[in-house]
Amino acid sequence: MAHEIPAWRIGDAARRSGVNAANIRYYEKEMLLKPCSRSANSYRLYSDEDIHRLRFIRLCRAMDMSLDEVRTLLALNSDLPADVHTACHTLDQHLEHVRARLQELQALEQDLRALRSRCDGTDDHCHVIDALHAQADAQTDALERTGGAKRHV
């Protein structure tokens, strides 16, 4: 008798991997996960290898890695020296992104503290709301001058 490979339906795969079913479908669409096999009644079926791959993806995403970074790491073989260097390079680039994001978050914290300091709770008028409206107006003016918002993705 041949050894049967376990095949899990998407709900079971979600429970076993910690990745919800919608994300599993999305990762398939993004080619991070091979198209699954289908049962006779067209249910998606996932192997233990697929479950491991989903856990790997979930771990990388929890470290705030982009889908492209995850895709790069998934394609590597840990036994090949060139791939080891590629993995290190990918992590170095991600560390640069994390460091930049930390600086952005520290600046955000300072902005929020400054905003919070505008209100001590004793005034009948909320200066925080006024400051937010003023900042929104200033952003509108800046967007019109520069031609659009810039966002790091």
N, C-alpha and C. Protein backbone atom coordinates (compact mmCIF):
# COMPACT_ATOMS: atom_id res chain seq x y z
N MET A 1 0.84 -1.17 0.00
CA MET A 1 0.00 0.00 0.00
C MET A 1 0.89 1.24 0.00
N ALA A 2 0.63 2.17 -0.89
CA ALA A 2 1.42 3.39 -0.98
C ALA A 2 1.09 4.31 0.18
N HIS A 3 2.12 5.06 0.62
CA HIS A 3 1.93 6.03 1.71
C HIS A 3 1.13 7.22 1.20
N GLU A 4 0.00 7.49 1.81
CA GLU A 4 -0.86 8.59 1.37
C GLU A 4 -0.39 9.91 1.98
N ILE A 5 -0.28 10.95 1.14
CA ILE A 5 0.10 12.29 1.60
C ILE A 5 -1.15 12.94 2.19
N PRO A 6 -1.03 13.48 3.41
CA PRO A 6 -2.21 14.14 3.98
C PRO A 6 -2.66 15.31 3.12
N ALA A 7 -3.95 15.43 2.97
CA ALA A 7 -4.50 16.54 2.20
C ALA A 7 -5.53 17.24 3.08
N TRP A 8 -5.26 18.47 3.37
CA TRP A 8 -6.10 19.25 4.27
C TRP A 8 -6.94 20.23 3.48
N ARG A 9 -8.21 20.33 3.84
CA ARG A 9 -9.05 21.36 3.24
C ARG A 9 -8.61 22.72 3.79
N ILE A 10 -9.05 23.79 3.15
CA ILE A 10 -8.55 25.12 3.46
C ILE A 10 -8.78 25.52 4.92
N GLY A 11 -9.90 25.14 5.51
CA GLY A 11 -10.15 25.47 6.92
C GLY A 11 -9.16 24.77 7.83
N ASP A 12 -8.87 23.51 7.52
CA ASP A 12 -7.88 22.76 8.31
C ASP A 12 -6.48 23.35 8.10
N ALA A 13 -6.17 23.70 6.86
CA ALA A 13 -4.87 24.31 6.56
C ALA A 13 -4.73 25.63 7.31
N ALA A 14 -5.80 26.39 7.38
CA ALA A 14 -5.77 27.67 8.10
C ALA A 14 -5.50 27.43 9.59
N ARG A 15 -6.19 26.48 10.17
CA ARG A 15 -5.98 26.17 11.60
C ARG A 15 -4.57 25.65 11.86
N ARG A 16 -4.08 24.79 11.00
CA ARG A 16 -2.76 24.19 11.20
C ARG A 16 -1.63 25.19 10.98
N SER A 17 -1.83 26.15 10.08
CA SER A 17 -0.76 27.09 9.73
C SER A 17 -0.85 28.41 10.49
N GLY A 18 -2.04 28.76 10.97
CA GLY A 18 -2.23 30.06 11.60
C GLY A 18 -2.48 31.16 10.59
N VAL A 19 -2.70 30.80 9.34
CA VAL A 19 -2.97 31.76 8.26
C VAL A 19 -4.44 31.61 7.87
N ASN A 20 -5.19 32.71 7.89
CA ASN A 20 -6.62 32.57 7.59
C ASN A 20 -6.85 32.20 6.13
N ALA A 21 -8.02 31.66 5.86
CA ALA A 21 -8.34 31.12 4.53
C ALA A 21 -8.25 32.20 3.45
N ALA A 22 -8.69 33.40 3.75
CA ALA A 22 -8.61 34.48 2.75
C ALA A 22 -7.16 34.76 2.38
N ASN A 23 -6.27 34.76 3.38
CA ASN A 23 -4.85 34.99 3.08
C ASN A 23 -4.24 33.83 2.32
N ILE A 24 -4.68 32.61 2.61
CA ILE A 24 -4.19 31.46 1.85
C ILE A 24 -4.53 31.64 0.37
N ARG A 25 -5.77 32.01 0.09
CA ARG A 25 -6.17 32.24 -1.30
C ARG A 25 -5.34 33.38 -1.93
N TYR A 26 -5.12 34.42 -1.14
CA TYR A 26 -4.32 35.56 -1.63
C TYR A 26 -2.88 35.13 -1.93
N TYR A 27 -2.28 34.33 -1.05
CA TYR A 27 -0.90 33.88 -1.28
C TYR A 27 -0.82 32.99 -2.52
N GLU A 28 -1.87 32.23 -2.78
CA GLU A 28 -1.91 31.45 -4.02
C GLU A 28 -1.93 32.39 -5.22
N LYS A 29 -2.79 33.40 -5.15
CA LYS A 29 -2.91 34.38 -6.25
C LYS A 29 -1.58 35.10 -6.47
N GLU A 30 -0.85 35.38 -5.38
CA GLU A 30 0.44 36.07 -5.47
C GLU A 30 1.59 35.13 -5.78
N MET A 31 1.29 33.86 -6.00
CA MET A 31 2.28 32.84 -6.37
C MET A 31 3.30 32.55 -5.26
N LEU A 32 2.92 32.78 -4.01
CA LEU A 32 3.77 32.40 -2.89
C LEU A 32 3.51 30.94 -2.51
N LEU A 33 2.39 30.45 -2.92
CA LEU A 33 1.98 29.08 -2.65
C LEU A 33 1.53 28.49 -3.97
N LYS A 34 2.00 27.28 -4.26
CA LYS A 34 1.62 26.64 -5.52
C LYS A 34 0.10 26.44 -5.53
N PRO A 35 -0.47 26.48 -6.72
CA PRO A 35 -1.91 26.19 -6.76
C PRO A 35 -2.17 24.83 -6.12
N CYS A 36 -3.14 24.81 -5.29
CA CYS A 36 -3.41 23.59 -4.54
C CYS A 36 -4.06 22.55 -5.45
N SER A 37 -4.06 21.33 -4.95
CA SER A 37 -4.80 20.29 -5.66
C SER A 37 -6.27 20.44 -5.28
N ARG A 38 -7.10 19.75 -5.99
CA ARG A 38 -8.54 19.84 -5.74
C ARG A 38 -9.09 18.43 -5.51
N SER A 39 -10.04 18.37 -4.61
CA SER A 39 -10.72 17.10 -4.38
C SER A 39 -11.74 16.89 -5.49
N ALA A 40 -12.37 15.73 -5.49
CA ALA A 40 -13.37 15.43 -6.52
C ALA A 40 -14.50 16.45 -6.50
N ASN A 41 -14.80 17.00 -5.32
CA ASN A 41 -15.87 17.99 -5.23
C ASN A 41 -15.33 19.43 -5.26
N SER A 42 -14.10 19.59 -5.78
CA SER A 42 -13.45 20.89 -6.03
C SER A 42 -12.99 21.65 -4.79
N TYR A 43 -12.94 20.98 -3.64
CA TYR A 43 -12.37 21.64 -2.47
C TYR A 43 -10.85 21.76 -2.65
N ARG A 44 -10.29 22.90 -2.21
CA ARG A 44 -8.83 23.05 -2.22
C ARG A 44 -8.25 22.06 -1.20
N LEU A 45 -7.11 21.46 -1.57
CA LEU A 45 -6.45 20.51 -0.67
C LEU A 45 -4.98 20.91 -0.53
N TYR A 46 -4.48 20.87 0.71
CA TYR A 46 -3.13 21.29 1.02
C TYR A 46 -2.37 20.16 1.70
N SER A 47 -1.10 20.05 1.35
CA SER A 47 -0.23 19.02 1.93
C SER A 47 0.46 19.57 3.19
N ASP A 48 1.15 18.69 3.90
CA ASP A 48 1.93 19.12 5.06
C ASP A 48 3.02 20.11 4.61
N GLU A 49 3.57 19.91 3.43
CA GLU A 49 4.58 20.84 2.89
C GLU A 49 3.96 22.22 2.67
N ASP A 50 2.72 22.25 2.18
CA ASP A 50 2.02 23.52 2.00
C ASP A 50 1.80 24.21 3.35
N ILE A 51 1.45 23.42 4.37
CA ILE A 51 1.23 23.97 5.71
C ILE A 51 2.53 24.59 6.22
N HIS A 52 3.65 23.88 6.03
CA HIS A 52 4.95 24.42 6.45
C HIS A 52 5.24 25.73 5.70
N ARG A 53 4.99 25.75 4.40
CA ARG A 53 5.23 26.95 3.60
C ARG A 53 4.39 28.12 4.11
N LEU A 54 3.14 27.85 4.45
CA LEU A 54 2.27 28.89 5.00
C LEU A 54 2.80 29.41 6.34
N ARG A 55 3.31 28.52 7.16
CA ARG A 55 3.90 28.95 8.44
C ARG A 55 5.13 29.83 8.19
N PHE A 56 5.93 29.45 7.22
CA PHE A 56 7.11 30.24 6.84
C PHE A 56 6.68 31.64 6.39
N ILE A 57 5.67 31.69 5.52
CA ILE A 57 5.16 32.98 5.04
C ILE A 57 4.64 33.80 6.21
N ARG A 58 3.87 33.17 7.10
CA ARG A 58 3.31 33.89 8.26
C ARG A 58 4.42 34.46 9.13
N LEU A 59 5.47 33.69 9.35
CA LEU A 59 6.61 34.15 10.16
C LEU A 59 7.28 35.36 9.51
N CYS A 60 7.54 35.27 8.22
CA CYS A 60 8.17 36.39 7.51
C CYS A 60 7.28 37.63 7.54
N ARG A 61 5.99 37.46 7.33
CA ARG A 61 5.07 38.59 7.35
C ARG A 61 4.99 39.19 8.75
N ALA A 62 5.09 38.35 9.79
CA ALA A 62 5.09 38.86 11.17
C ALA A 62 6.33 39.71 11.43
N MET A 63 7.40 39.47 10.66
CA MET A 63 8.61 40.29 10.75
C MET A 63 8.53 41.48 9.79
N ASP A 64 7.32 41.75 9.27
CA ASP A 64 7.04 42.89 8.41
C ASP A 64 7.76 42.82 7.07
N MET A 65 8.05 41.62 6.60
CA MET A 65 8.69 41.49 5.29
C MET A 65 7.64 41.66 4.20
N SER A 66 8.07 42.26 3.11
CA SER A 66 7.17 42.44 1.96
C SER A 66 6.95 41.10 1.28
N LEU A 67 5.94 41.05 0.44
CA LEU A 67 5.70 39.81 -0.31
C LEU A 67 6.88 39.48 -1.22
N ASP A 68 7.52 40.50 -1.78
CA ASP A 68 8.70 40.26 -2.63
C ASP A 68 9.85 39.66 -1.81
N GLU A 69 10.04 40.16 -0.59
CA GLU A 69 11.10 39.60 0.26
C GLU A 69 10.77 38.15 0.61
N VAL A 70 9.52 37.88 0.92
CA VAL A 70 9.10 36.50 1.23
C VAL A 70 9.31 35.62 0.01
N ARG A 71 8.92 36.13 -1.15
CA ARG A 71 9.08 35.37 -2.40
C ARG A 71 10.54 35.02 -2.64
N THR A 72 11.43 35.99 -2.39
CA THR A 72 12.87 35.76 -2.57
C THR A 72 13.34 34.66 -1.63
N LEU A 73 12.97 34.75 -0.36
CA LEU A 73 13.42 33.76 0.62
C LEU A 73 12.86 32.38 0.34
N LEU A 74 11.62 32.32 -0.12
CA LEU A 74 11.02 31.02 -0.43
C LEU A 74 11.74 30.32 -1.59
N ALA A 75 12.30 31.10 -2.49
CA ALA A 75 12.95 30.54 -3.68
C ALA A 75 14.37 30.04 -3.40
N LEU A 76 14.89 30.32 -2.21
CA LEU A 76 16.28 29.98 -1.92
C LEU A 76 16.43 28.57 -1.37
N ASN A 77 17.64 28.03 -1.60
CA ASN A 77 18.01 26.72 -1.08
C ASN A 77 19.12 26.94 -0.05
N SER A 78 18.89 26.55 1.19
CA SER A 78 19.86 26.83 2.26
C SER A 78 21.18 26.07 2.11
N ASP A 79 21.25 25.14 1.17
CA ASP A 79 22.49 24.40 0.94
C ASP A 79 23.39 25.03 -0.12
N LEU A 80 22.90 26.03 -0.81
CA LEU A 80 23.69 26.67 -1.87
C LEU A 80 24.32 27.95 -1.35
N PRO A 81 25.67 28.08 -1.44
CA PRO A 81 26.34 29.28 -0.94
C PRO A 81 25.81 30.58 -1.53
N ALA A 82 25.51 30.59 -2.81
CA ALA A 82 24.99 31.81 -3.43
C ALA A 82 23.64 32.19 -2.82
N ASP A 83 22.83 31.20 -2.51
CA ASP A 83 21.52 31.47 -1.92
C ASP A 83 21.66 31.96 -0.48
N VAL A 84 22.68 31.47 0.23
CA VAL A 84 22.93 31.94 1.58
C VAL A 84 23.24 33.44 1.55
N HIS A 85 24.06 33.84 0.59
CA HIS A 85 24.40 35.26 0.44
C HIS A 85 23.16 36.08 0.07
N THR A 86 22.32 35.52 -0.80
CA THR A 86 21.09 36.22 -1.18
C THR A 86 20.18 36.40 0.03
N ALA A 87 20.09 35.37 0.86
CA ALA A 87 19.26 35.47 2.07
C ALA A 87 19.79 36.56 3.00
N CYS A 88 21.10 36.59 3.18
CA CYS A 88 21.70 37.62 4.04
C CYS A 88 21.47 39.01 3.46
N HIS A 89 21.62 39.15 2.16
CA HIS A 89 21.40 40.44 1.51
C HIS A 89 19.94 40.88 1.67
N THR A 90 19.02 39.94 1.49
CA THR A 90 17.59 40.25 1.66
C THR A 90 17.32 40.72 3.07
N LEU A 91 17.90 40.05 4.06
CA LEU A 91 17.69 40.47 5.46
C LEU A 91 18.35 41.82 5.74
N ASP A 92 19.52 42.05 5.16
CA ASP A 92 20.18 43.36 5.35
C ASP A 92 19.30 44.48 4.80
N GLN A 93 18.73 44.27 3.64
CA GLN A 93 17.84 45.28 3.06
C GLN A 93 16.61 45.49 3.94
N HIS A 94 16.08 44.40 4.47
CA HIS A 94 14.90 44.51 5.34
C HIS A 94 15.26 45.25 6.63
N LEU A 95 16.44 44.98 7.16
CA LEU A 95 16.89 45.71 8.35
C LEU A 95 16.97 47.21 8.08
N GLU A 96 17.44 47.59 6.90
CA GLU A 96 17.48 49.01 6.53
C GLU A 96 16.07 49.60 6.55
N HIS A 97 15.13 48.86 6.00
CA HIS A 97 13.73 49.30 5.99
C HIS A 97 13.20 49.44 7.42
N VAL A 98 13.50 48.46 8.27
CA VAL A 98 13.04 48.50 9.66
C VAL A 98 13.64 49.69 10.39
N ARG A 99 14.93 49.95 10.18
CA ARG A 99 15.59 51.09 10.83
C ARG A 99 14.95 52.41 10.37
N ALA A 100 14.66 52.51 9.10
CA ALA A 100 14.00 53.72 8.58
C ALA A 100 12.61 53.86 9.19
N ARG A 101 11.91 52.75 9.29
CA ARG A 101 10.56 52.77 9.88
C ARG A 101 10.62 53.17 11.35
N LEU A 102 11.64 52.69 12.06
CA LEU A 102 11.81 53.08 13.47
C LEU A 102 11.99 54.58 13.60
N GLN A 103 12.78 55.17 12.70
CA GLN A 103 12.96 56.62 12.73
C GLN A 103 11.64 57.34 12.46
N GLU A 104 10.88 56.81 11.51
CA GLU A 104 9.57 57.39 11.21
C GLU A 104 8.66 57.30 12.43
N LEU A 105 8.68 56.16 13.11
CA LEU A 105 7.84 55.97 14.29
C LEU A 105 8.27 56.86 15.45
N GLN A 106 9.58 57.07 15.60
CA GLN A 106 10.06 57.98 16.65
C GLN A 106 9.62 59.41 16.36
N ALA A 107 9.67 59.80 15.09
CA ALA A 107 9.19 61.14 14.72
C ALA A 107 7.69 61.24 14.97
N LEU A 108 6.97 60.19 14.66
CA LEU A 108 5.53 60.16 14.92
C LEU A 108 5.24 60.29 16.40
N GLU A 109 6.02 59.58 17.22
CA GLU A 109 5.84 59.67 18.67
C GLU A 109 6.04 61.11 19.14
N GLN A 110 7.06 61.78 18.64
CA GLN A 110 7.30 63.18 19.03
C GLN A 110 6.13 64.06 18.60
N ASP A 111 5.62 63.84 17.39
CA ASP A 111 4.49 64.62 16.91
C ASP A 111 3.26 64.39 17.79
N LEU A 112 3.02 63.15 18.16
CA LEU A 112 1.87 62.83 19.00
C LEU A 112 2.01 63.42 20.40
N ARG A 113 3.21 63.37 20.94
CA ARG A 113 3.45 63.98 22.27
C ARG A 113 3.22 65.50 22.22
N ALA A 114 3.70 66.12 21.15
CA ALA A 114 3.50 67.57 21.00
C ALA A 114 2.02 67.89 20.88
N LEU A 115 1.31 67.08 20.12
CA LEU A 115 -0.12 67.27 19.96
C LEU A 115 -0.84 67.08 21.30
N ARG A 116 -0.46 66.04 22.00
CA ARG A 116 -1.09 65.75 23.30
C ARG A 116 -0.83 66.86 24.31
N SER A 117 0.32 67.50 24.22
CA SER A 117 0.67 68.56 25.18
C SER A 117 -0.20 69.80 24.99
N ARG A 118 -0.94 69.87 23.88
CA ARG A 118 -1.81 71.01 23.63
C ARG A 118 -3.08 70.96 24.46
N CYS A 119 -3.30 69.85 25.12
CA CYS A 119 -4.54 69.70 25.88
C CYS A 119 -4.24 69.11 27.25
N ASP A 120 -4.60 69.84 28.30
CA ASP A 120 -4.41 69.30 29.63
C ASP A 120 -5.74 68.85 30.25
N GLY A 121 -6.82 68.98 29.48
CA GLY A 121 -8.12 68.52 29.94
C GLY A 121 -8.89 69.52 30.78
N THR A 122 -8.32 70.69 31.03
CA THR A 122 -9.00 71.66 31.90
C THR A 122 -9.75 72.72 31.10
N ASP A 123 -9.48 72.82 29.83
CA ASP A 123 -10.11 73.84 28.99
C ASP A 123 -11.43 73.29 28.43
N ASP A 124 -12.40 74.19 28.20
CA ASP A 124 -13.67 73.78 27.60
C ASP A 124 -13.54 73.55 26.10
N HIS A 125 -12.49 74.06 25.51
CA HIS A 125 -12.25 73.96 24.08
C HIS A 125 -11.10 72.99 23.83
N CYS A 126 -11.28 72.09 22.88
CA CYS A 126 -10.25 71.08 22.60
C CYS A 126 -9.26 71.60 21.56
N HIS A 127 -8.07 71.89 22.01
CA HIS A 127 -7.02 72.40 21.13
C HIS A 127 -6.41 71.28 20.28
N VAL A 128 -6.58 70.04 20.70
CA VAL A 128 -6.08 68.91 19.92
C VAL A 128 -6.85 68.84 18.60
N ILE A 129 -8.17 68.95 18.68
CA ILE A 129 -9.00 68.89 17.47
C ILE A 129 -8.64 70.05 16.54
N ASP A 130 -8.48 71.24 17.10
CA ASP A 130 -8.09 72.40 16.29
C ASP A 130 -6.75 72.16 15.60
N ALA A 131 -5.79 71.61 16.34
CA ALA A 131 -4.47 71.36 15.78
C ALA A 131 -4.54 70.31 14.66
N LEU A 132 -5.36 69.28 14.84
CA LEU A 132 -5.51 68.27 13.80
C LEU A 132 -6.13 68.87 12.54
N HIS A 133 -7.15 69.72 12.71
CA HIS A 133 -7.74 70.38 11.54
C HIS A 133 -6.71 71.27 10.85
N ALA A 134 -5.92 71.99 11.61
CA ALA A 134 -4.88 72.85 11.03
C ALA A 134 -3.86 72.02 10.27
N GLN A 135 -3.46 70.88 10.83
CA GLN A 135 -2.49 70.01 10.15
C GLN A 135 -3.09 69.43 8.87
N ALA A 136 -4.37 69.07 8.91
CA ALA A 136 -5.03 68.53 7.71
C ALA A 136 -5.04 69.58 6.61
N ASP A 137 -5.34 70.83 6.98
CA ASP A 137 -5.32 71.92 5.99
C ASP A 137 -3.91 72.12 5.45
N ALA A 138 -2.91 72.07 6.32
CA ALA A 138 -1.52 72.24 5.89
C ALA A 138 -1.11 71.11 4.94
N GLN A 139 -1.57 69.89 5.21
CA GLN A 139 -1.27 68.77 4.32
C GLN A 139 -1.88 68.98 2.95
N THR A 140 -3.11 69.48 2.93
CA THR A 140 -3.77 69.74 1.65
C THR A 140 -2.97 70.74 0.85
N ASP A 141 -2.52 71.79 1.49
CA ASP A 141 -1.70 72.80 0.80
C ASP A 141 -0.40 72.18 0.28
N ALA A 142 0.25 71.36 1.11
CA ALA A 142 1.51 70.73 0.72
C ALA A 142 1.31 69.76 -0.44
N LEU A 143 0.22 69.01 -0.43
CA LEU A 143 -0.07 68.06 -1.51
C LEU A 143 -0.29 68.79 -2.82
N GLU A 144 -0.97 69.93 -2.75
CA GLU A 144 -1.21 70.70 -3.97
C GLU A 144 0.09 71.25 -4.54
N ARG A 145 1.03 71.63 -3.65
CA ARG A 145 2.33 72.15 -4.11
C ARG A 145 3.21 71.05 -4.68
N THR A 146 3.21 69.87 -4.07
CA THR A 146 4.14 68.81 -4.48
C THR A 146 3.55 67.83 -5.48
N GLY A 147 2.24 67.84 -5.63
CA GLY A 147 1.63 66.95 -6.63
C GLY A 147 1.24 65.59 -6.10
N GLY A 148 1.19 65.40 -4.81
CA GLY A 148 0.68 64.13 -4.29
C GLY A 148 1.41 63.66 -3.06
N ALA A 149 0.82 62.67 -2.43
CA ALA A 149 1.36 62.10 -1.21
C ALA A 149 2.44 61.09 -1.54
N LYS A 150 3.42 61.00 -0.67
CA LYS A 150 4.47 60.01 -0.79
C LYS A 150 4.29 59.02 0.34
N ARG A 151 4.33 57.74 0.00
CA ARG A 151 4.11 56.72 1.00
C ARG A 151 5.09 55.58 0.78
N HIS A 152 5.69 55.12 1.85
CA HIS A 152 6.61 53.99 1.77
C HIS A 152 5.80 52.71 1.84
N VAL A 153 6.00 51.82 0.89
CA VAL A 153 5.28 50.55 0.90
C VAL A 153 6.28 49.42 0.96
